[in-house]
Amino acid sequence: TEYLHHNSMQTIFPSVIERYFTTGYKVNLPKSNPSNMNDVCILRHSNSICLITLAPTHPVIENKCRITSISFKVTDKLDRLQNSVSGKRKRGAQWLNPSGPLCVISCDDGSKHTVYCGIRGSLVEVNERLISSPQLLHDCYKTEGYIAVVMPKHLEAKATMDDLLTEEQFK
């Protein structure tokens, strides 16, 4: 689909995200604390691989927080950076549930935000670029500022997206 820019006769083509990914949202994570506003966006590629990123309503994005650091060490014993994946079947990958923490974001106002996965699947990789460039998560959250790549079980891939809010429902 092409878009015609309203200020000129220039044709604007859909982005890679619009072209190849289905967008879904999981809000108020974890469910055990419904007052949370830890909303995530799940971008599902046609091959079922999912990118986990922040939703535009996440407090870090909505409040325009300045991110000082991102840690993938989510508990004293669990560091998502230690995830070691091999082979086509992603052997050794950490298994995630929707309420599984992915990272902790620290902001210059002293706030800390735990980001949860939102879906079930194997952690393929975390975005290590966020450690040296944490502001990518805020500035480019739908592209190179993604948090993690997660692969749902093949048989659950469609049901995973059906369980999420669509773009229209989210708005």
N, C-alpha and C. Protein backbone atom coordinates (compact mmCIF):
# COMPACT_ATOMS: atom_id res chain seq x y z
N THR A 1 0.84 -1.18 0.00
CA THR A 1 0.00 0.00 0.00
C THR A 1 0.88 1.24 0.00
N GLU A 2 0.53 2.19 -0.82
CA GLU A 2 1.26 3.45 -0.85
C GLU A 2 0.45 4.50 -0.13
N TYR A 3 1.15 5.48 0.42
CA TYR A 3 0.50 6.60 1.07
C TYR A 3 0.90 7.86 0.33
N LEU A 4 -0.01 8.78 0.19
CA LEU A 4 0.30 10.06 -0.43
C LEU A 4 0.45 11.06 0.69
N HIS A 5 1.61 11.68 0.76
CA HIS A 5 1.86 12.66 1.81
C HIS A 5 0.95 13.85 1.61
N HIS A 6 0.27 14.30 2.68
CA HIS A 6 -0.75 15.33 2.54
C HIS A 6 -0.20 16.70 2.20
N ASN A 7 1.08 16.98 2.42
CA ASN A 7 1.64 18.30 2.14
C ASN A 7 2.28 18.40 0.76
N SER A 8 2.40 17.28 0.08
CA SER A 8 3.05 17.32 -1.23
C SER A 8 2.52 16.17 -2.08
N MET A 9 3.04 16.07 -3.22
CA MET A 9 2.65 14.99 -4.12
C MET A 9 3.64 13.82 -4.00
N GLN A 10 4.45 13.82 -2.96
CA GLN A 10 5.43 12.78 -2.74
C GLN A 10 4.75 11.51 -2.23
N THR A 11 5.10 10.36 -2.80
CA THR A 11 4.57 9.08 -2.36
C THR A 11 5.42 8.57 -1.21
N ILE A 12 4.77 8.17 -0.12
CA ILE A 12 5.47 7.61 1.03
C ILE A 12 5.06 6.15 1.15
N PHE A 13 6.06 5.28 1.18
CA PHE A 13 5.79 3.86 1.25
C PHE A 13 5.72 3.41 2.71
N PRO A 14 5.00 2.33 2.99
CA PRO A 14 4.91 1.82 4.36
C PRO A 14 6.29 1.41 4.88
N SER A 15 6.48 1.53 6.17
CA SER A 15 7.75 1.15 6.78
C SER A 15 7.88 -0.38 6.78
N VAL A 16 9.06 -0.85 7.10
CA VAL A 16 9.31 -2.29 7.20
C VAL A 16 8.38 -2.89 8.25
N ILE A 17 8.20 -2.19 9.36
CA ILE A 17 7.32 -2.67 10.44
C ILE A 17 5.90 -2.81 9.91
N GLU A 18 5.41 -1.80 9.21
CA GLU A 18 4.04 -1.85 8.68
C GLU A 18 3.89 -2.95 7.63
N ARG A 19 4.95 -3.19 6.87
CA ARG A 19 4.88 -4.16 5.79
C ARG A 19 4.98 -5.61 6.24
N TYR A 20 5.85 -5.90 7.20
CA TYR A 20 6.17 -7.29 7.51
C TYR A 20 5.78 -7.76 8.90
N PHE A 21 5.27 -6.87 9.73
CA PHE A 21 4.95 -7.25 11.11
C PHE A 21 3.49 -6.99 11.43
N THR A 22 2.93 -7.85 12.26
CA THR A 22 1.60 -7.65 12.83
C THR A 22 1.82 -7.10 14.22
N THR A 23 1.11 -6.04 14.57
CA THR A 23 1.29 -5.40 15.86
C THR A 23 0.20 -5.82 16.84
N GLY A 24 0.61 -6.16 18.04
CA GLY A 24 -0.33 -6.48 19.12
C GLY A 24 0.16 -5.85 20.41
N TYR A 25 -0.75 -5.68 21.36
CA TYR A 25 -0.40 -5.02 22.62
C TYR A 25 -0.87 -5.85 23.80
N LYS A 26 -0.07 -5.84 24.85
CA LYS A 26 -0.44 -6.44 26.13
C LYS A 26 -0.33 -5.31 27.14
N VAL A 27 -1.40 -5.07 27.88
CA VAL A 27 -1.42 -3.92 28.79
C VAL A 27 -1.50 -4.35 30.25
N ASN A 28 -1.09 -3.45 31.13
CA ASN A 28 -1.17 -3.61 32.58
C ASN A 28 -0.46 -4.88 33.06
N LEU A 29 0.79 -5.04 32.68
CA LEU A 29 1.56 -6.21 33.11
C LEU A 29 2.28 -5.91 34.41
N PRO A 30 2.46 -6.83 35.32
CA PRO A 30 1.84 -8.15 35.32
C PRO A 30 0.40 -8.07 35.79
N LYS A 31 -0.38 -9.08 35.48
CA LYS A 31 -1.80 -9.10 35.83
C LYS A 31 -2.02 -9.11 37.34
N SER A 32 -1.00 -9.53 38.10
CA SER A 32 -1.13 -9.56 39.55
C SER A 32 -1.19 -8.15 40.16
N ASN A 33 -0.81 -7.15 39.38
CA ASN A 33 -0.84 -5.77 39.84
C ASN A 33 -1.51 -4.92 38.75
N PRO A 34 -2.85 -4.89 38.68
CA PRO A 34 -3.55 -4.22 37.60
C PRO A 34 -3.38 -2.70 37.58
N SER A 35 -2.81 -2.10 38.63
CA SER A 35 -2.60 -0.66 38.62
C SER A 35 -1.36 -0.29 37.82
N ASN A 36 -0.56 -1.28 37.43
CA ASN A 36 0.63 -1.02 36.62
C ASN A 36 0.25 -0.51 35.25
N MET A 37 1.13 0.26 34.68
CA MET A 37 0.96 0.70 33.29
C MET A 37 2.14 0.19 32.47
N ASN A 38 2.56 -1.03 32.73
CA ASN A 38 3.68 -1.62 32.01
C ASN A 38 3.17 -2.25 30.72
N ASP A 39 2.84 -1.42 29.76
CA ASP A 39 2.29 -1.89 28.50
C ASP A 39 3.42 -2.20 27.52
N VAL A 40 3.28 -3.33 26.82
CA VAL A 40 4.28 -3.71 25.83
C VAL A 40 3.62 -3.88 24.47
N CYS A 41 4.45 -3.72 23.47
CA CYS A 41 4.03 -3.91 22.08
C CYS A 41 4.76 -5.15 21.58
N ILE A 42 4.02 -6.04 20.93
CA ILE A 42 4.61 -7.24 20.36
C ILE A 42 4.47 -7.13 18.85
N LEU A 43 5.60 -7.17 18.17
CA LEU A 43 5.63 -7.10 16.72
C LEU A 43 5.93 -8.51 16.20
N ARG A 44 4.95 -9.13 15.57
CA ARG A 44 5.11 -10.52 15.10
C ARG A 44 5.40 -10.53 13.61
N HIS A 45 6.54 -11.10 13.27
CA HIS A 45 6.93 -11.23 11.87
C HIS A 45 6.13 -12.38 11.24
N SER A 46 6.07 -12.41 9.93
CA SER A 46 5.34 -13.47 9.25
C SER A 46 5.92 -14.86 9.53
N ASN A 47 7.18 -14.93 9.99
CA ASN A 47 7.79 -16.22 10.34
C ASN A 47 7.55 -16.60 11.80
N SER A 48 6.69 -15.85 12.50
CA SER A 48 6.29 -16.07 13.90
C SER A 48 7.24 -15.52 14.95
N ILE A 49 8.42 -15.09 14.56
CA ILE A 49 9.34 -14.47 15.52
C ILE A 49 8.73 -13.15 15.98
N CYS A 50 8.84 -12.86 17.29
CA CYS A 50 8.25 -11.65 17.85
C CYS A 50 9.31 -10.73 18.44
N LEU A 51 9.16 -9.44 18.17
CA LEU A 51 9.98 -8.42 18.82
C LEU A 51 9.15 -7.84 19.96
N ILE A 52 9.75 -7.74 21.13
CA ILE A 52 9.08 -7.15 22.28
C ILE A 52 9.65 -5.75 22.46
N THR A 53 8.77 -4.77 22.56
CA THR A 53 9.19 -3.40 22.75
C THR A 53 8.16 -2.68 23.64
N LEU A 54 8.42 -1.45 23.95
CA LEU A 54 7.48 -0.70 24.77
C LEU A 54 6.31 -0.22 23.94
N ALA A 55 5.14 -0.19 24.55
CA ALA A 55 3.97 0.41 23.90
C ALA A 55 4.05 1.92 24.10
N PRO A 56 3.41 2.70 23.23
CA PRO A 56 3.44 4.15 23.38
C PRO A 56 2.86 4.64 24.70
N THR A 57 2.06 3.81 25.37
CA THR A 57 1.46 4.19 26.65
C THR A 57 2.31 3.80 27.86
N HIS A 58 3.45 3.17 27.62
CA HIS A 58 4.33 2.82 28.75
C HIS A 58 4.81 4.13 29.37
N PRO A 59 4.91 4.20 30.71
CA PRO A 59 5.31 5.45 31.37
C PRO A 59 6.63 6.03 30.87
N VAL A 60 7.58 5.20 30.48
CA VAL A 60 8.86 5.71 29.98
C VAL A 60 8.65 6.50 28.70
N ILE A 61 7.76 6.04 27.82
CA ILE A 61 7.50 6.74 26.56
C ILE A 61 6.55 7.91 26.80
N GLU A 62 5.45 7.64 27.48
CA GLU A 62 4.42 8.66 27.68
C GLU A 62 4.94 9.87 28.47
N ASN A 63 5.77 9.62 29.49
CA ASN A 63 6.28 10.71 30.32
C ASN A 63 7.60 11.28 29.82
N LYS A 64 8.05 10.80 28.65
CA LYS A 64 9.30 11.25 28.04
C LYS A 64 10.47 11.18 29.02
N CYS A 65 10.55 10.06 29.72
CA CYS A 65 11.62 9.86 30.71
C CYS A 65 12.97 9.75 30.01
N ARG A 66 13.99 10.25 30.68
CA ARG A 66 15.35 10.08 30.20
C ARG A 66 15.88 8.81 30.84
N ILE A 67 16.20 7.84 30.01
CA ILE A 67 16.67 6.53 30.49
C ILE A 67 18.16 6.62 30.79
N THR A 68 18.53 6.21 32.00
CA THR A 68 19.95 6.23 32.37
C THR A 68 20.60 4.87 32.20
N SER A 69 19.83 3.80 32.40
CA SER A 69 20.41 2.46 32.21
C SER A 69 19.31 1.42 32.02
N ILE A 70 19.73 0.33 31.41
CA ILE A 70 18.86 -0.83 31.23
C ILE A 70 19.63 -2.04 31.70
N SER A 71 19.02 -2.82 32.57
CA SER A 71 19.66 -4.02 33.10
C SER A 71 18.84 -5.24 32.72
N PHE A 72 19.52 -6.24 32.20
CA PHE A 72 18.86 -7.49 31.88
C PHE A 72 18.98 -8.48 33.04
N LYS A 73 19.60 -8.04 34.13
CA LYS A 73 19.67 -8.87 35.36
C LYS A 73 18.37 -8.59 36.12
N VAL A 74 17.38 -9.45 35.93
CA VAL A 74 16.03 -9.21 36.44
C VAL A 74 15.82 -9.69 37.88
N THR A 75 16.66 -10.62 38.34
CA THR A 75 16.66 -11.04 39.75
C THR A 75 18.12 -11.28 40.13
N ASP A 76 18.35 -11.57 41.39
CA ASP A 76 19.72 -11.84 41.84
C ASP A 76 20.34 -13.01 41.09
N LYS A 77 19.51 -13.98 40.71
CA LYS A 77 20.02 -15.19 40.08
C LYS A 77 19.78 -15.28 38.58
N LEU A 78 19.00 -14.35 38.01
CA LEU A 78 18.63 -14.49 36.60
C LEU A 78 19.04 -13.26 35.80
N ASP A 79 19.97 -13.48 34.88
CA ASP A 79 20.44 -12.43 33.98
C ASP A 79 20.10 -12.86 32.56
N ARG A 80 19.24 -12.09 31.90
CA ARG A 80 18.83 -12.43 30.54
C ARG A 80 20.00 -12.40 29.55
N LEU A 81 21.08 -11.71 29.89
CA LEU A 81 22.26 -11.70 29.03
C LEU A 81 22.95 -13.06 28.99
N GLN A 82 22.68 -13.90 29.98
CA GLN A 82 23.28 -15.24 30.05
C GLN A 82 22.54 -16.24 29.17
N ASN A 83 21.51 -15.79 28.48
CA ASN A 83 20.73 -16.65 27.60
C ASN A 83 21.65 -17.18 26.50
N SER A 84 21.74 -18.48 26.35
CA SER A 84 22.62 -19.09 25.36
C SER A 84 21.79 -20.00 24.46
N VAL A 85 21.65 -19.57 23.22
CA VAL A 85 20.79 -20.27 22.26
C VAL A 85 21.64 -20.88 21.16
N SER A 86 21.28 -22.12 20.76
CA SER A 86 22.00 -22.74 19.64
C SER A 86 21.04 -23.54 18.77
N GLY A 87 21.37 -23.58 17.51
CA GLY A 87 20.63 -24.42 16.56
C GLY A 87 19.29 -23.87 16.12
N LYS A 88 18.74 -24.57 15.14
CA LYS A 88 17.46 -24.16 14.55
C LYS A 88 16.32 -24.20 15.56
N ARG A 89 16.39 -25.12 16.49
CA ARG A 89 15.32 -25.26 17.49
C ARG A 89 15.56 -24.41 18.73
N LYS A 90 16.59 -23.57 18.69
CA LYS A 90 16.89 -22.62 19.78
C LYS A 90 17.10 -23.32 21.11
N ARG A 91 17.90 -24.38 21.09
CA ARG A 91 18.21 -25.12 22.31
C ARG A 91 18.89 -24.21 23.32
N GLY A 92 18.53 -24.38 24.58
CA GLY A 92 19.14 -23.62 25.66
C GLY A 92 18.48 -22.28 25.93
N ALA A 93 17.51 -21.91 25.12
CA ALA A 93 16.85 -20.62 25.30
C ALA A 93 16.05 -20.60 26.60
N GLN A 94 16.05 -19.45 27.26
CA GLN A 94 15.25 -19.29 28.46
C GLN A 94 13.78 -19.24 28.06
N TRP A 95 12.93 -19.96 28.80
CA TRP A 95 11.49 -19.98 28.53
C TRP A 95 10.85 -18.81 29.28
N LEU A 96 9.99 -18.09 28.59
CA LEU A 96 9.32 -16.93 29.17
C LEU A 96 7.81 -17.11 29.19
N ASN A 97 7.19 -16.68 30.26
CA ASN A 97 5.75 -16.57 30.36
C ASN A 97 5.38 -15.10 30.18
N PRO A 98 4.11 -14.79 29.96
CA PRO A 98 3.73 -13.38 29.78
C PRO A 98 4.17 -12.47 30.92
N SER A 99 4.23 -12.98 32.14
CA SER A 99 4.64 -12.15 33.28
C SER A 99 6.13 -12.29 33.59
N GLY A 100 6.88 -12.88 32.66
CA GLY A 100 8.33 -13.02 32.86
C GLY A 100 9.03 -11.70 32.61
N PRO A 101 9.84 -11.23 33.58
CA PRO A 101 10.55 -9.96 33.38
C PRO A 101 11.66 -10.09 32.35
N LEU A 102 11.78 -9.07 31.51
CA LEU A 102 12.83 -9.04 30.48
C LEU A 102 13.99 -8.15 30.89
N CYS A 103 13.66 -6.98 31.44
CA CYS A 103 14.69 -6.04 31.81
C CYS A 103 14.14 -5.04 32.82
N VAL A 104 15.05 -4.26 33.40
CA VAL A 104 14.67 -3.19 34.32
C VAL A 104 15.24 -1.89 33.75
N ILE A 105 14.37 -0.92 33.57
CA ILE A 105 14.77 0.39 33.04
C ILE A 105 14.90 1.36 34.21
N SER A 106 16.02 2.05 34.29
CA SER A 106 16.22 3.09 35.31
C SER A 106 16.21 4.44 34.61
N CYS A 107 15.51 5.39 35.21
CA CYS A 107 15.38 6.73 34.63
C CYS A 107 16.02 7.78 35.52
N ASP A 108 16.32 8.95 34.95
CA ASP A 108 17.01 9.99 35.71
C ASP A 108 16.15 10.60 36.82
N ASP A 109 14.84 10.36 36.81
CA ASP A 109 13.99 10.85 37.90
C ASP A 109 13.97 9.87 39.08
N GLY A 110 14.78 8.81 39.00
CA GLY A 110 14.86 7.83 40.08
C GLY A 110 13.89 6.67 39.93
N SER A 111 13.00 6.74 38.95
CA SER A 111 12.03 5.66 38.77
C SER A 111 12.69 4.45 38.10
N LYS A 112 12.14 3.28 38.43
CA LYS A 112 12.58 2.02 37.81
C LYS A 112 11.35 1.33 37.27
N HIS A 113 11.47 0.76 36.09
CA HIS A 113 10.35 0.10 35.41
C HIS A 113 10.79 -1.28 34.96
N THR A 114 10.10 -2.31 35.45
CA THR A 114 10.36 -3.66 34.98
C THR A 114 9.49 -3.90 33.76
N VAL A 115 10.11 -4.37 32.70
CA VAL A 115 9.39 -4.67 31.46
C VAL A 115 9.18 -6.18 31.40
N TYR A 116 7.93 -6.57 31.16
CA TYR A 116 7.55 -7.98 31.11
C TYR A 116 7.36 -8.42 29.67
N CYS A 117 7.48 -9.72 29.45
CA CYS A 117 7.45 -10.28 28.10
C CYS A 117 6.10 -10.11 27.40
N GLY A 118 5.01 -10.40 28.08
CA GLY A 118 3.68 -10.26 27.47
C GLY A 118 3.19 -11.48 26.71
N ILE A 119 4.11 -12.37 26.31
CA ILE A 119 3.72 -13.59 25.59
C ILE A 119 4.55 -14.76 26.12
N ARG A 120 4.12 -15.98 25.76
CA ARG A 120 4.89 -17.19 26.08
C ARG A 120 5.81 -17.49 24.91
N GLY A 121 7.06 -17.86 25.24
CA GLY A 121 7.97 -18.23 24.17
C GLY A 121 9.40 -18.36 24.65
N SER A 122 10.26 -18.73 23.74
CA SER A 122 11.69 -18.87 24.02
C SER A 122 12.40 -17.56 23.73
N LEU A 123 13.25 -17.15 24.65
CA LEU A 123 14.04 -15.94 24.46
C LEU A 123 15.16 -16.24 23.48
N VAL A 124 15.09 -15.66 22.30
CA VAL A 124 16.10 -15.89 21.28
C VAL A 124 17.29 -14.97 21.53
N GLU A 125 17.01 -13.70 21.82
CA GLU A 125 18.08 -12.76 22.13
C GLU A 125 17.52 -11.51 22.79
N VAL A 126 18.38 -10.82 23.52
CA VAL A 126 18.04 -9.50 24.04
C VAL A 126 18.85 -8.49 23.23
N ASN A 127 18.37 -7.27 23.19
CA ASN A 127 19.03 -6.21 22.43
C ASN A 127 20.15 -5.61 23.29
N GLU A 128 21.35 -6.13 23.14
CA GLU A 128 22.49 -5.68 23.94
C GLU A 128 22.88 -4.24 23.64
N ARG A 129 22.48 -3.70 22.50
CA ARG A 129 22.79 -2.30 22.18
C ARG A 129 22.17 -1.34 23.19
N LEU A 130 21.10 -1.79 23.86
CA LEU A 130 20.43 -0.93 24.84
C LEU A 130 21.31 -0.66 26.06
N ILE A 131 22.27 -1.52 26.32
CA ILE A 131 23.15 -1.32 27.48
C ILE A 131 24.03 -0.10 27.26
N SER A 132 24.62 0.02 26.08
CA SER A 132 25.49 1.18 25.80
C SER A 132 24.71 2.39 25.28
N SER A 133 23.52 2.17 24.73
CA SER A 133 22.69 3.27 24.20
C SER A 133 21.26 3.12 24.71
N PRO A 134 21.04 3.32 26.02
CA PRO A 134 19.71 3.06 26.58
C PRO A 134 18.61 3.97 26.02
N GLN A 135 18.97 5.14 25.54
CA GLN A 135 17.95 6.06 25.04
C GLN A 135 17.31 5.56 23.73
N LEU A 136 17.94 4.57 23.08
CA LEU A 136 17.33 3.95 21.89
C LEU A 136 15.94 3.40 22.22
N LEU A 137 15.81 2.88 23.44
CA LEU A 137 14.53 2.31 23.86
C LEU A 137 13.43 3.36 23.83
N HIS A 138 13.77 4.58 24.15
CA HIS A 138 12.79 5.67 24.13
C HIS A 138 12.65 6.26 22.73
N ASP A 139 13.77 6.56 22.10
CA ASP A 139 13.76 7.29 20.83
C ASP A 139 13.32 6.44 19.65
N CYS A 140 13.64 5.16 19.67
CA CYS A 140 13.37 4.27 18.53
C CYS A 140 12.73 2.98 19.01
N TYR A 141 11.74 3.08 19.87
CA TYR A 141 11.20 1.88 20.51
C TYR A 141 10.55 0.90 19.55
N LYS A 142 10.12 1.32 18.38
CA LYS A 142 9.51 0.38 17.43
C LYS A 142 10.49 -0.15 16.40
N THR A 143 11.74 0.27 16.46
CA THR A 143 12.71 -0.24 15.50
C THR A 143 13.94 -0.76 16.24
N GLU A 144 15.07 -0.06 16.15
CA GLU A 144 16.28 -0.59 16.77
C GLU A 144 16.28 -0.52 18.30
N GLY A 145 15.26 0.05 18.89
CA GLY A 145 15.14 0.09 20.34
C GLY A 145 14.31 -1.05 20.91
N TYR A 146 14.12 -2.13 20.16
CA TYR A 146 13.37 -3.28 20.68
C TYR A 146 14.12 -3.86 21.88
N ILE A 147 13.41 -4.58 22.75
CA ILE A 147 14.02 -5.14 23.95
C ILE A 147 14.52 -6.56 23.73
N ALA A 148 13.67 -7.38 23.12
CA ALA A 148 14.03 -8.79 22.98
C ALA A 148 13.36 -9.41 21.77
N VAL A 149 13.93 -10.52 21.34
CA VAL A 149 13.35 -11.35 20.29
C VAL A 149 12.88 -12.63 20.97
N VAL A 150 11.60 -12.94 20.80
CA VAL A 150 11.00 -14.12 21.44
C VAL A 150 10.34 -14.98 20.36
N MET A 151 10.50 -16.29 20.49
CA MET A 151 9.89 -17.21 19.54
C MET A 151 8.85 -18.06 20.25
N PRO A 152 7.55 -17.80 19.96
CA PRO A 152 6.51 -18.65 20.56
C PRO A 152 6.57 -20.05 19.96
N LYS A 153 6.00 -21.02 20.68
CA LYS A 153 5.90 -22.36 20.11
C LYS A 153 5.12 -22.26 18.81
N HIS A 154 5.53 -23.05 17.84
CA HIS A 154 4.92 -22.98 16.50
C HIS A 154 3.39 -23.13 16.56
N LEU A 155 2.91 -24.06 17.36
CA LEU A 155 1.48 -24.32 17.43
C LEU A 155 0.72 -23.22 18.19
N GLU A 156 1.44 -22.40 18.95
CA GLU A 156 0.81 -21.33 19.73
C GLU A 156 0.92 -19.96 19.06
N ALA A 157 1.63 -19.86 17.96
CA ALA A 157 1.93 -18.56 17.36
C ALA A 157 0.68 -17.76 17.03
N LYS A 158 -0.29 -18.35 16.38
CA LYS A 158 -1.51 -17.63 16.01
C LYS A 158 -2.32 -17.26 17.25
N ALA A 159 -2.45 -18.20 18.18
CA ALA A 159 -3.20 -17.95 19.41
C ALA A 159 -2.53 -16.85 20.23
N THR A 160 -1.21 -16.77 20.16
CA THR A 160 -0.48 -15.72 20.86
C THR A 160 -0.95 -14.35 20.40
N MET A 161 -1.06 -14.15 19.11
CA MET A 161 -1.48 -12.86 18.58
C MET A 161 -2.97 -12.62 18.82
N ASP A 162 -3.77 -13.67 18.78
CA ASP A 162 -5.21 -13.53 19.03
C ASP A 162 -5.48 -13.07 20.46
N ASP A 163 -4.55 -13.35 21.37
CA ASP A 163 -4.69 -12.99 22.78
C ASP A 163 -4.31 -11.52 23.05
N LEU A 164 -3.74 -10.86 22.07
CA LEU A 164 -3.28 -9.48 22.23
C LEU A 164 -4.31 -8.50 21.71
N LEU A 165 -4.21 -7.27 22.17
CA LEU A 165 -5.06 -6.20 21.64
C LEU A 165 -4.55 -5.80 20.26
N THR A 166 -5.46 -5.58 19.33
CA THR A 166 -5.07 -5.08 18.01
C THR A 166 -4.77 -3.58 18.13
N GLU A 167 -4.24 -3.02 17.08
CA GLU A 167 -3.95 -1.58 17.03
C GLU A 167 -5.23 -0.77 17.32
N GLU A 168 -6.34 -1.18 16.71
CA GLU A 168 -7.62 -0.46 16.90
C GLU A 168 -8.13 -0.60 18.33
N GLN A 169 -8.06 -1.80 18.90
CA GLN A 169 -8.50 -2.02 20.27
C GLN A 169 -7.63 -1.25 21.26
N PHE A 170 -6.35 -1.17 20.97
CA PHE A 170 -5.41 -0.49 21.85
C PHE A 170 -5.69 1.00 21.89
N LYS A 171 -6.00 1.56 20.73
CA LYS A 171 -6.26 3.02 20.68
C LYS A 171 -7.52 3.34 21.42
